[in-house]
Amino acid sequence: MTDYYGGGKLMEYKYDGKHIRDIPISNEPFSLTAIDTDRIAVTFGDKKYLEIINTTEPGIVVMDLNGKTLNTIDIYVFSVYNITATSDRIYYTDSHRNTVNCCSMTGQEIWVFNNKSISKPTGLSVDSNQNVFVVGQTSNKLTLIQHDGKDSKVLLSGCDGLESPYAGNYNKQTKIMCLGYQTGSVALYQVS
C-alpha cells in the first residue's frame, strides 16, 4: 500500500492484514504496481516522476559502470533524497532525520551530521577535500560541512535569496555551485 498522507513510504502487509514492514522511498507515493516478485513501480502524482524499487536490496547498492552489483551496504534510512560518492566514501541525506551521513564503501559509519541549520536536507555535493555542501530545503540554507563532519558553516541563507532550494551540485574544476529550486529555476555561485 502507498502512504500518500503519512510520508515517503510503502507499507507491506501479509494476505491476512498483518504488517510486515515499511519500505522507504523518496517522496509521498501516489500509486504502485508490482513488476515482478522483487520490483515495484511507484508514481508520485503531481511530482511527475516514478521510481522502480527493488524490494530485495535494502540499503545502498554499489554497482560498476556495467550495472553489475559489487556490494550492498545494509543500512536503514527512512528517506534518502540525495547520494554522492568519492573514491572511498559514500555520502547521503536522510531528510526525515535531518542528517547528512558519511560511510565507507563497505558501509562502516564514519560520521553523521545533524544541525539546526539543515532542515530537510536534499541537495548534496562534495569538493576535492571531501568537504560536503548540503542544501536544507525548509531551512533555506546552503551549508558546508567539514570533511570530518565535526564543524560546519552556513554559506547562503534566506537572507541571500534562497527560497526552497532543492538540489545542489558543486563543480570541482570551476569551483561553481549550482543550486536548483522547487520553482524550476537555478542559480550559479562562485565558491572561494
N, C-alpha and C. Protein backbone atom coordinates (compact mmCIF):
# COMPACT_ATOMS: atom_id res chain seq x y z
N MET A 1 0.84 -1.18 0.00
CA MET A 1 0.00 0.00 0.00
C MET A 1 0.88 1.24 0.00
N THR A 2 0.37 2.31 -0.64
CA THR A 2 1.07 3.59 -0.59
C THR A 2 0.58 4.38 0.61
N ASP A 3 1.45 5.20 1.17
CA ASP A 3 1.09 6.05 2.30
C ASP A 3 1.28 7.51 1.87
N TYR A 4 0.36 7.99 1.05
CA TYR A 4 0.47 9.32 0.46
C TYR A 4 0.47 10.42 1.53
N TYR A 5 -0.39 10.31 2.51
CA TYR A 5 -0.51 11.37 3.51
C TYR A 5 0.42 11.19 4.71
N GLY A 6 1.01 10.02 4.84
CA GLY A 6 1.83 9.74 6.01
C GLY A 6 3.32 9.91 5.80
N GLY A 7 3.75 10.24 4.61
CA GLY A 7 5.18 10.41 4.36
C GLY A 7 5.66 9.52 3.25
N GLY A 8 6.95 9.51 3.04
CA GLY A 8 7.55 8.77 1.94
C GLY A 8 7.78 7.31 2.25
N LYS A 9 6.73 6.50 2.18
CA LYS A 9 6.92 5.07 2.42
C LYS A 9 5.83 4.25 1.76
N LEU A 10 6.18 2.99 1.53
CA LEU A 10 5.22 1.98 1.13
C LEU A 10 5.04 1.06 2.32
N MET A 11 3.86 0.52 2.49
CA MET A 11 3.60 -0.38 3.61
C MET A 11 3.28 -1.76 3.05
N GLU A 12 4.03 -2.76 3.51
CA GLU A 12 3.84 -4.13 3.05
C GLU A 12 3.09 -4.93 4.11
N TYR A 13 2.05 -5.65 3.68
CA TYR A 13 1.23 -6.45 4.57
C TYR A 13 1.12 -7.87 4.06
N LYS A 14 0.88 -8.82 4.97
CA LYS A 14 0.58 -10.20 4.59
C LYS A 14 -0.86 -10.25 4.12
N TYR A 15 -1.20 -11.36 3.49
CA TYR A 15 -2.57 -11.54 2.99
C TYR A 15 -3.61 -11.46 4.10
N ASP A 16 -3.21 -11.75 5.36
CA ASP A 16 -4.16 -11.71 6.48
C ASP A 16 -4.22 -10.33 7.15
N GLY A 17 -3.52 -9.34 6.58
CA GLY A 17 -3.58 -7.98 7.09
C GLY A 17 -2.50 -7.61 8.09
N LYS A 18 -1.61 -8.52 8.43
CA LYS A 18 -0.54 -8.21 9.38
C LYS A 18 0.58 -7.44 8.69
N HIS A 19 1.02 -6.38 9.37
CA HIS A 19 2.08 -5.51 8.83
C HIS A 19 3.40 -6.26 8.80
N ILE A 20 4.08 -6.21 7.65
CA ILE A 20 5.40 -6.84 7.51
C ILE A 20 6.50 -5.81 7.71
N ARG A 21 6.44 -4.72 6.92
CA ARG A 21 7.47 -3.70 7.00
C ARG A 21 7.04 -2.46 6.23
N ASP A 22 7.76 -1.36 6.50
CA ASP A 22 7.64 -0.15 5.72
C ASP A 22 8.85 -0.08 4.79
N ILE A 23 8.62 0.31 3.55
CA ILE A 23 9.69 0.45 2.57
C ILE A 23 9.87 1.94 2.30
N PRO A 24 11.02 2.53 2.70
CA PRO A 24 11.23 3.97 2.50
C PRO A 24 11.41 4.30 1.03
N ILE A 25 10.85 5.43 0.62
CA ILE A 25 11.00 5.94 -0.74
C ILE A 25 11.22 7.45 -0.68
N SER A 26 11.42 8.08 -1.82
CA SER A 26 11.89 9.46 -1.85
C SER A 26 10.83 10.53 -1.63
N ASN A 27 9.55 10.18 -1.73
CA ASN A 27 8.51 11.20 -1.63
C ASN A 27 7.20 10.55 -1.26
N GLU A 28 6.11 11.34 -1.26
CA GLU A 28 4.79 10.79 -0.96
C GLU A 28 4.29 10.01 -2.18
N PRO A 29 4.11 8.69 -2.04
CA PRO A 29 3.72 7.86 -3.18
C PRO A 29 2.25 8.02 -3.51
N PHE A 30 1.93 8.01 -4.79
CA PHE A 30 0.54 8.13 -5.23
C PHE A 30 -0.04 6.77 -5.59
N SER A 31 0.69 6.02 -6.38
CA SER A 31 0.19 4.73 -6.84
C SER A 31 1.36 3.78 -7.01
N LEU A 32 1.07 2.46 -7.03
CA LEU A 32 2.12 1.49 -7.26
C LEU A 32 1.58 0.29 -8.02
N THR A 33 2.50 -0.45 -8.63
CA THR A 33 2.16 -1.70 -9.28
C THR A 33 3.35 -2.63 -9.16
N ALA A 34 3.08 -3.92 -9.01
CA ALA A 34 4.15 -4.91 -8.95
C ALA A 34 4.62 -5.23 -10.36
N ILE A 35 5.92 -5.14 -10.60
CA ILE A 35 6.50 -5.52 -11.89
C ILE A 35 6.75 -7.02 -11.89
N ASP A 36 7.38 -7.50 -10.83
CA ASP A 36 7.60 -8.93 -10.61
C ASP A 36 7.72 -9.14 -9.10
N THR A 37 8.20 -10.29 -8.66
CA THR A 37 8.24 -10.55 -7.22
C THR A 37 9.24 -9.69 -6.45
N ASP A 38 10.21 -9.07 -7.16
CA ASP A 38 11.24 -8.28 -6.49
C ASP A 38 11.17 -6.78 -6.76
N ARG A 39 10.36 -6.36 -7.74
CA ARG A 39 10.35 -4.94 -8.11
C ARG A 39 8.95 -4.36 -8.12
N ILE A 40 8.88 -3.08 -7.69
CA ILE A 40 7.64 -2.33 -7.65
C ILE A 40 7.86 -1.00 -8.35
N ALA A 41 6.93 -0.59 -9.21
CA ALA A 41 6.96 0.74 -9.82
C ALA A 41 6.05 1.64 -8.99
N VAL A 42 6.58 2.81 -8.61
CA VAL A 42 5.84 3.75 -7.76
C VAL A 42 5.75 5.09 -8.46
N THR A 43 4.54 5.67 -8.52
CA THR A 43 4.36 7.01 -9.08
C THR A 43 4.19 8.00 -7.94
N PHE A 44 4.51 9.27 -8.24
CA PHE A 44 4.47 10.30 -7.22
C PHE A 44 3.55 11.46 -7.62
N GLY A 45 2.49 11.16 -8.36
CA GLY A 45 1.45 12.14 -8.68
C GLY A 45 1.97 13.41 -9.29
N ASP A 46 1.64 14.53 -8.65
CA ASP A 46 2.00 15.84 -9.20
C ASP A 46 3.50 16.11 -9.17
N LYS A 47 4.29 15.23 -8.57
CA LYS A 47 5.75 15.39 -8.59
C LYS A 47 6.31 15.01 -9.96
N LYS A 48 5.49 14.29 -10.76
CA LYS A 48 5.79 13.98 -12.17
C LYS A 48 7.03 13.11 -12.37
N TYR A 49 7.16 12.08 -11.56
CA TYR A 49 8.20 11.09 -11.80
C TYR A 49 7.77 9.76 -11.20
N LEU A 50 8.52 8.72 -11.53
CA LEU A 50 8.28 7.41 -10.94
C LEU A 50 9.59 6.76 -10.58
N GLU A 51 9.54 5.80 -9.69
CA GLU A 51 10.73 5.05 -9.29
C GLU A 51 10.43 3.58 -9.40
N ILE A 52 11.45 2.80 -9.68
CA ILE A 52 11.34 1.35 -9.62
C ILE A 52 12.14 0.91 -8.40
N ILE A 53 11.45 0.30 -7.46
CA ILE A 53 12.04 -0.10 -6.19
C ILE A 53 12.34 -1.59 -6.22
N ASN A 54 13.57 -1.96 -5.89
CA ASN A 54 13.92 -3.37 -5.75
C ASN A 54 13.75 -3.72 -4.28
N THR A 55 12.75 -4.52 -3.95
CA THR A 55 12.41 -4.81 -2.56
C THR A 55 13.35 -5.81 -1.90
N THR A 56 14.23 -6.46 -2.67
CA THR A 56 15.14 -7.44 -2.08
C THR A 56 16.52 -6.86 -1.79
N GLU A 57 16.76 -5.61 -2.10
CA GLU A 57 18.07 -4.98 -1.86
C GLU A 57 17.91 -3.75 -1.00
N PRO A 58 17.68 -3.92 0.32
CA PRO A 58 17.61 -2.76 1.19
C PRO A 58 18.99 -2.15 1.38
N GLY A 59 19.05 -0.86 1.54
CA GLY A 59 20.32 -0.20 1.76
C GLY A 59 20.83 0.44 0.47
N ILE A 60 22.12 0.64 0.40
CA ILE A 60 22.76 1.26 -0.75
C ILE A 60 23.41 0.18 -1.58
N VAL A 61 23.09 0.15 -2.87
CA VAL A 61 23.65 -0.85 -3.77
C VAL A 61 24.79 -0.20 -4.55
N VAL A 62 25.99 -0.76 -4.46
CA VAL A 62 27.17 -0.27 -5.18
C VAL A 62 27.30 -1.10 -6.46
N MET A 63 27.32 -0.41 -7.62
CA MET A 63 27.42 -1.09 -8.91
C MET A 63 28.59 -0.55 -9.71
N ASP A 64 29.07 -1.37 -10.64
CA ASP A 64 30.07 -0.87 -11.56
C ASP A 64 29.37 -0.19 -12.74
N LEU A 65 30.12 0.34 -13.69
CA LEU A 65 29.53 1.08 -14.81
C LEU A 65 28.70 0.21 -15.74
N ASN A 66 28.85 -1.10 -15.65
CA ASN A 66 28.04 -2.02 -16.47
C ASN A 66 26.76 -2.45 -15.77
N GLY A 67 26.53 -1.97 -14.56
CA GLY A 67 25.32 -2.32 -13.83
C GLY A 67 25.45 -3.57 -12.98
N LYS A 68 26.64 -4.12 -12.88
CA LYS A 68 26.86 -5.31 -12.05
C LYS A 68 26.95 -4.88 -10.59
N THR A 69 26.20 -5.55 -9.72
CA THR A 69 26.21 -5.24 -8.30
C THR A 69 27.53 -5.71 -7.69
N LEU A 70 28.27 -4.77 -7.08
CA LEU A 70 29.54 -5.09 -6.43
C LEU A 70 29.36 -5.33 -4.94
N ASN A 71 28.43 -4.58 -4.33
CA ASN A 71 28.25 -4.64 -2.89
C ASN A 71 26.90 -4.04 -2.53
N THR A 72 26.28 -4.53 -1.49
CA THR A 72 25.09 -3.90 -0.93
C THR A 72 25.40 -3.50 0.49
N ILE A 73 25.27 -2.21 0.77
CA ILE A 73 25.54 -1.69 2.10
C ILE A 73 24.23 -1.70 2.86
N ASP A 74 24.16 -2.50 3.88
CA ASP A 74 22.93 -2.71 4.64
C ASP A 74 22.78 -1.61 5.70
N ILE A 75 22.02 -0.59 5.35
CA ILE A 75 21.74 0.50 6.28
C ILE A 75 20.25 0.76 6.28
N TYR A 76 19.75 1.34 7.37
CA TYR A 76 18.35 1.73 7.40
C TYR A 76 18.28 3.24 7.29
N VAL A 77 17.66 3.70 6.24
CA VAL A 77 17.43 5.13 6.03
C VAL A 77 15.98 5.28 5.63
N PHE A 78 15.25 6.13 6.32
CA PHE A 78 13.84 6.29 6.03
C PHE A 78 13.61 6.96 4.68
N SER A 79 14.39 7.98 4.37
CA SER A 79 14.16 8.68 3.12
C SER A 79 15.44 9.33 2.61
N VAL A 80 16.11 8.67 1.68
CA VAL A 80 17.31 9.23 1.06
C VAL A 80 16.88 10.13 -0.08
N TYR A 81 17.21 11.41 0.00
CA TYR A 81 16.91 12.34 -1.08
C TYR A 81 18.07 12.49 -2.03
N ASN A 82 19.28 12.34 -1.52
CA ASN A 82 20.42 12.52 -2.37
C ASN A 82 21.57 11.66 -1.88
N ILE A 83 22.39 11.24 -2.82
CA ILE A 83 23.55 10.41 -2.51
C ILE A 83 24.67 10.81 -3.47
N THR A 84 25.89 10.80 -2.96
CA THR A 84 27.06 11.06 -3.79
C THR A 84 28.22 10.28 -3.20
N ALA A 85 29.27 10.15 -3.97
CA ALA A 85 30.40 9.35 -3.50
C ALA A 85 31.73 9.92 -3.99
N THR A 86 32.78 9.61 -3.25
CA THR A 86 34.15 9.85 -3.68
C THR A 86 34.78 8.47 -3.88
N SER A 87 36.07 8.40 -4.06
CA SER A 87 36.70 7.10 -4.30
C SER A 87 36.61 6.17 -3.10
N ASP A 88 36.47 6.71 -1.89
CA ASP A 88 36.46 5.85 -0.71
C ASP A 88 35.30 6.11 0.27
N ARG A 89 34.42 7.04 -0.06
CA ARG A 89 33.31 7.35 0.85
C ARG A 89 31.99 7.51 0.11
N ILE A 90 30.91 7.24 0.83
CA ILE A 90 29.56 7.47 0.33
C ILE A 90 28.90 8.47 1.28
N TYR A 91 28.24 9.47 0.71
CA TYR A 91 27.54 10.49 1.48
C TYR A 91 26.07 10.43 1.07
N TYR A 92 25.17 10.52 2.03
CA TYR A 92 23.74 10.52 1.71
C TYR A 92 22.97 11.33 2.75
N THR A 93 21.84 11.85 2.33
CA THR A 93 20.99 12.63 3.23
C THR A 93 19.82 11.76 3.69
N ASP A 94 19.38 12.01 4.89
CA ASP A 94 18.16 11.40 5.43
C ASP A 94 17.27 12.57 5.84
N SER A 95 16.31 12.90 4.97
CA SER A 95 15.53 14.11 5.19
C SER A 95 14.56 14.01 6.37
N HIS A 96 14.19 12.82 6.77
CA HIS A 96 13.28 12.69 7.92
C HIS A 96 14.02 12.82 9.25
N ARG A 97 15.28 12.49 9.27
CA ARG A 97 16.08 12.64 10.48
C ARG A 97 16.91 13.93 10.45
N ASN A 98 16.85 14.64 9.31
CA ASN A 98 17.63 15.86 9.11
C ASN A 98 19.12 15.63 9.32
N THR A 99 19.63 14.55 8.71
CA THR A 99 21.04 14.24 8.86
C THR A 99 21.73 14.12 7.51
N VAL A 100 23.04 14.36 7.54
CA VAL A 100 23.92 14.03 6.43
C VAL A 100 24.81 12.93 6.98
N ASN A 101 24.93 11.84 6.23
CA ASN A 101 25.65 10.66 6.69
C ASN A 101 26.84 10.38 5.78
N CYS A 102 27.92 9.93 6.38
CA CYS A 102 29.13 9.56 5.64
C CYS A 102 29.54 8.16 6.08
N CYS A 103 29.74 7.27 5.11
CA CYS A 103 30.18 5.93 5.43
C CYS A 103 31.25 5.50 4.44
N SER A 104 31.97 4.45 4.80
CA SER A 104 32.98 3.89 3.90
C SER A 104 32.28 3.11 2.80
N MET A 105 33.03 2.68 1.82
CA MET A 105 32.47 1.88 0.72
C MET A 105 31.97 0.51 1.19
N THR A 106 32.36 0.12 2.40
CA THR A 106 31.87 -1.15 2.95
C THR A 106 30.68 -0.93 3.88
N GLY A 107 30.29 0.32 4.08
CA GLY A 107 29.13 0.63 4.90
C GLY A 107 29.43 1.01 6.33
N GLN A 108 30.70 1.08 6.70
CA GLN A 108 31.05 1.46 8.07
C GLN A 108 30.82 2.96 8.26
N GLU A 109 30.04 3.31 9.27
CA GLU A 109 29.73 4.72 9.53
C GLU A 109 31.01 5.47 9.90
N ILE A 110 31.22 6.60 9.22
CA ILE A 110 32.37 7.47 9.53
C ILE A 110 31.89 8.63 10.38
N TRP A 111 30.82 9.28 9.94
CA TRP A 111 30.21 10.34 10.75
C TRP A 111 28.77 10.58 10.32
N VAL A 112 28.00 11.17 11.25
CA VAL A 112 26.63 11.60 10.99
C VAL A 112 26.54 13.04 11.47
N PHE A 113 26.05 13.92 10.59
CA PHE A 113 25.96 15.34 10.92
C PHE A 113 24.49 15.73 11.07
N ASN A 114 24.17 16.36 12.20
CA ASN A 114 22.83 16.87 12.44
C ASN A 114 22.97 18.23 13.09
N ASN A 115 22.36 19.25 12.45
CA ASN A 115 22.48 20.61 12.94
C ASN A 115 21.22 21.37 12.56
N LYS A 116 20.80 22.30 13.39
CA LYS A 116 19.56 23.04 13.10
C LYS A 116 19.65 23.87 11.82
N SER A 117 20.85 24.09 11.30
CA SER A 117 20.98 24.84 10.05
C SER A 117 20.50 24.02 8.85
N ILE A 118 20.35 22.73 9.04
CA ILE A 118 19.92 21.86 7.95
C ILE A 118 18.58 21.23 8.30
N SER A 119 17.54 21.71 7.65
CA SER A 119 16.21 21.13 7.83
C SER A 119 15.74 20.62 6.48
N LYS A 120 15.42 19.34 6.42
CA LYS A 120 15.06 18.60 5.22
C LYS A 120 16.19 18.70 4.18
N PRO A 121 17.34 18.07 4.49
CA PRO A 121 18.46 18.10 3.55
C PRO A 121 18.12 17.35 2.27
N THR A 122 18.34 18.00 1.14
CA THR A 122 18.04 17.36 -0.14
C THR A 122 19.26 17.36 -1.04
N GLY A 123 19.74 18.51 -1.47
CA GLY A 123 20.88 18.57 -2.37
C GLY A 123 22.18 18.27 -1.64
N LEU A 124 23.10 17.58 -2.32
CA LEU A 124 24.33 17.14 -1.69
C LEU A 124 25.44 17.08 -2.73
N SER A 125 26.62 17.60 -2.37
CA SER A 125 27.76 17.56 -3.27
C SER A 125 29.03 17.61 -2.44
N VAL A 126 30.15 17.14 -2.99
CA VAL A 126 31.41 17.06 -2.26
C VAL A 126 32.51 17.74 -3.06
N ASP A 127 33.41 18.49 -2.36
CA ASP A 127 34.52 19.12 -3.05
C ASP A 127 35.75 18.21 -3.06
N SER A 128 36.86 18.70 -3.56
CA SER A 128 38.08 17.90 -3.70
C SER A 128 38.69 17.49 -2.36
N ASN A 129 38.37 18.21 -1.29
CA ASN A 129 38.90 17.90 0.04
C ASN A 129 37.92 17.11 0.90
N GLN A 130 36.87 16.59 0.29
CA GLN A 130 35.80 15.82 0.95
C GLN A 130 35.01 16.65 1.95
N ASN A 131 34.97 17.97 1.72
CA ASN A 131 34.02 18.82 2.43
C ASN A 131 32.68 18.67 1.71
N VAL A 132 31.60 18.75 2.46
CA VAL A 132 30.28 18.45 1.91
C VAL A 132 29.42 19.70 1.86
N PHE A 133 28.84 19.97 0.68
CA PHE A 133 27.85 21.02 0.52
C PHE A 133 26.48 20.35 0.64
N VAL A 134 25.61 20.92 1.47
CA VAL A 134 24.26 20.36 1.61
C VAL A 134 23.24 21.49 1.61
N VAL A 135 22.13 21.24 0.91
CA VAL A 135 21.04 22.18 0.82
C VAL A 135 19.95 21.78 1.80
N GLY A 136 19.53 22.71 2.64
CA GLY A 136 18.39 22.49 3.53
C GLY A 136 17.16 23.09 2.90
N GLN A 137 16.25 22.23 2.42
CA GLN A 137 15.10 22.72 1.67
C GLN A 137 14.17 23.61 2.52
N THR A 138 13.87 23.20 3.74
CA THR A 138 12.96 24.01 4.56
C THR A 138 13.70 25.02 5.44
N SER A 139 15.01 24.82 5.65
CA SER A 139 15.78 25.82 6.40
C SER A 139 16.29 26.92 5.48
N ASN A 140 16.16 26.71 4.14
CA ASN A 140 16.60 27.71 3.15
C ASN A 140 18.07 28.09 3.34
N LYS A 141 18.91 27.05 3.46
CA LYS A 141 20.34 27.30 3.68
C LYS A 141 21.20 26.35 2.86
N LEU A 142 22.35 26.87 2.45
CA LEU A 142 23.41 26.07 1.87
C LEU A 142 24.51 26.02 2.92
N THR A 143 24.83 24.82 3.40
CA THR A 143 25.79 24.65 4.47
C THR A 143 26.98 23.84 3.98
N LEU A 144 28.17 24.21 4.42
CA LEU A 144 29.38 23.46 4.13
C LEU A 144 29.78 22.71 5.40
N ILE A 145 29.87 21.37 5.30
CA ILE A 145 30.29 20.53 6.42
C ILE A 145 31.74 20.12 6.17
N GLN A 146 32.59 20.30 7.17
CA GLN A 146 33.99 19.93 7.01
C GLN A 146 34.13 18.41 6.84
N HIS A 147 35.21 17.99 6.22
CA HIS A 147 35.45 16.60 5.85
C HIS A 147 35.31 15.59 6.99
N ASP A 148 35.51 16.03 8.23
CA ASP A 148 35.41 15.11 9.36
C ASP A 148 34.02 15.11 10.00
N GLY A 149 33.10 15.95 9.47
CA GLY A 149 31.74 16.00 9.98
C GLY A 149 31.57 16.70 11.31
N LYS A 150 32.62 17.36 11.80
CA LYS A 150 32.56 17.96 13.13
C LYS A 150 32.18 19.43 13.13
N ASP A 151 32.44 20.14 12.04
CA ASP A 151 32.20 21.57 12.01
C ASP A 151 31.48 21.94 10.72
N SER A 152 30.77 23.06 10.74
CA SER A 152 30.04 23.49 9.55
C SER A 152 29.97 25.01 9.49
N LYS A 153 29.59 25.49 8.31
CA LYS A 153 29.45 26.93 8.11
C LYS A 153 28.31 27.15 7.12
N VAL A 154 27.39 28.06 7.44
CA VAL A 154 26.32 28.41 6.52
C VAL A 154 26.89 29.36 5.48
N LEU A 155 26.81 28.98 4.20
CA LEU A 155 27.35 29.80 3.12
C LEU A 155 26.30 30.75 2.55
N LEU A 156 25.07 30.27 2.41
CA LEU A 156 23.97 31.09 1.90
C LEU A 156 22.71 30.77 2.71
N SER A 157 21.83 31.77 2.83
CA SER A 157 20.59 31.56 3.58
C SER A 157 19.44 32.30 2.90
N GLY A 158 18.30 32.30 3.54
CA GLY A 158 17.14 33.01 3.03
C GLY A 158 17.42 34.50 2.85
N CYS A 159 18.29 35.06 3.67
CA CYS A 159 18.67 36.47 3.54
C CYS A 159 19.40 36.73 2.22
N ASP A 160 20.00 35.68 1.65
CA ASP A 160 20.71 35.80 0.38
C ASP A 160 19.82 35.44 -0.81
N GLY A 161 18.55 35.16 -0.54
CA GLY A 161 17.62 34.85 -1.62
C GLY A 161 17.29 33.38 -1.77
N LEU A 162 17.81 32.51 -0.91
CA LEU A 162 17.47 31.10 -1.01
C LEU A 162 16.03 30.88 -0.54
N GLU A 163 15.23 30.30 -1.40
CA GLU A 163 13.84 30.00 -1.05
C GLU A 163 13.49 28.62 -1.62
N SER A 164 13.35 27.66 -0.74
CA SER A 164 13.06 26.27 -1.09
C SER A 164 14.06 25.69 -2.08
N PRO A 165 15.37 25.78 -1.76
CA PRO A 165 16.35 25.13 -2.64
C PRO A 165 16.17 23.63 -2.54
N TYR A 166 16.35 22.95 -3.66
CA TYR A 166 16.07 21.51 -3.70
C TYR A 166 17.29 20.68 -4.09
N ALA A 167 18.13 21.21 -4.94
CA ALA A 167 19.27 20.45 -5.43
C ALA A 167 20.52 21.32 -5.40
N GLY A 168 21.67 20.67 -5.28
CA GLY A 168 22.93 21.39 -5.30
C GLY A 168 24.01 20.54 -5.92
N ASN A 169 24.80 21.14 -6.78
CA ASN A 169 25.91 20.42 -7.40
C ASN A 169 27.13 21.33 -7.47
N TYR A 170 28.24 20.87 -6.93
CA TYR A 170 29.48 21.63 -6.92
C TYR A 170 30.40 21.09 -8.00
N ASN A 171 30.88 21.98 -8.87
CA ASN A 171 31.83 21.60 -9.92
C ASN A 171 33.24 21.83 -9.38
N LYS A 172 34.00 20.74 -9.23
CA LYS A 172 35.33 20.83 -8.62
C LYS A 172 36.33 21.60 -9.49
N GLN A 173 36.18 21.53 -10.81
CA GLN A 173 37.13 22.22 -11.69
C GLN A 173 36.90 23.73 -11.71
N THR A 174 35.64 24.15 -11.84
CA THR A 174 35.34 25.58 -11.94
C THR A 174 35.07 26.24 -10.60
N LYS A 175 34.88 25.43 -9.55
CA LYS A 175 34.53 25.89 -8.21
C LYS A 175 33.24 26.72 -8.23
N ILE A 176 32.28 26.22 -8.99
CA ILE A 176 30.97 26.86 -9.08
C ILE A 176 29.91 25.93 -8.49
N MET A 177 29.04 26.50 -7.66
CA MET A 177 27.95 25.77 -7.05
C MET A 177 26.67 26.10 -7.81
N CYS A 178 25.98 25.07 -8.28
CA CYS A 178 24.70 25.25 -8.97
C CYS A 178 23.60 24.80 -8.03
N LEU A 179 22.67 25.70 -7.73
CA LEU A 179 21.52 25.37 -6.87
C LEU A 179 20.25 25.35 -7.71
N GLY A 180 19.45 24.32 -7.49
CA GLY A 180 18.16 24.20 -8.15
C GLY A 180 17.05 24.42 -7.14
N TYR A 181 15.99 25.05 -7.58
CA TYR A 181 14.88 25.40 -6.70
C TYR A 181 13.61 24.69 -7.14
N GLN A 182 12.69 24.50 -6.20
CA GLN A 182 11.42 23.83 -6.50
C GLN A 182 10.63 24.58 -7.56
N THR A 183 10.86 25.85 -7.71
CA THR A 183 10.14 26.64 -8.70
C THR A 183 10.59 26.34 -10.12
N GLY A 184 11.69 25.58 -10.25
CA GLY A 184 12.21 25.26 -11.57
C GLY A 184 13.37 26.14 -11.99
N SER A 185 13.75 27.09 -11.19
CA SER A 185 14.87 27.97 -11.53
C SER A 185 16.17 27.43 -10.94
N VAL A 186 17.29 27.91 -11.47
CA VAL A 186 18.60 27.54 -10.97
C VAL A 186 19.43 28.82 -10.78
N ALA A 187 20.45 28.72 -9.94
CA ALA A 187 21.36 29.84 -9.70
C ALA A 187 22.77 29.30 -9.58
N LEU A 188 23.75 30.06 -10.07
CA LEU A 188 25.14 29.68 -10.00
C LEU A 188 25.87 30.60 -9.03
N TYR A 189 26.76 30.01 -8.20
CA TYR A 189 27.52 30.78 -7.23
C TYR A 189 28.97 30.38 -7.32
N GLN A 190 29.87 31.37 -7.33
CA GLN A 190 31.31 31.10 -7.30
C GLN A 190 31.70 30.83 -5.85
N VAL A 191 32.38 29.73 -5.60
CA VAL A 191 32.83 29.37 -4.26
C VAL A 191 34.31 29.69 -4.16
N SER A 192 34.67 30.48 -3.13
CA SER A 192 36.09 30.83 -2.97
C SER A 192 36.63 30.30 -1.66
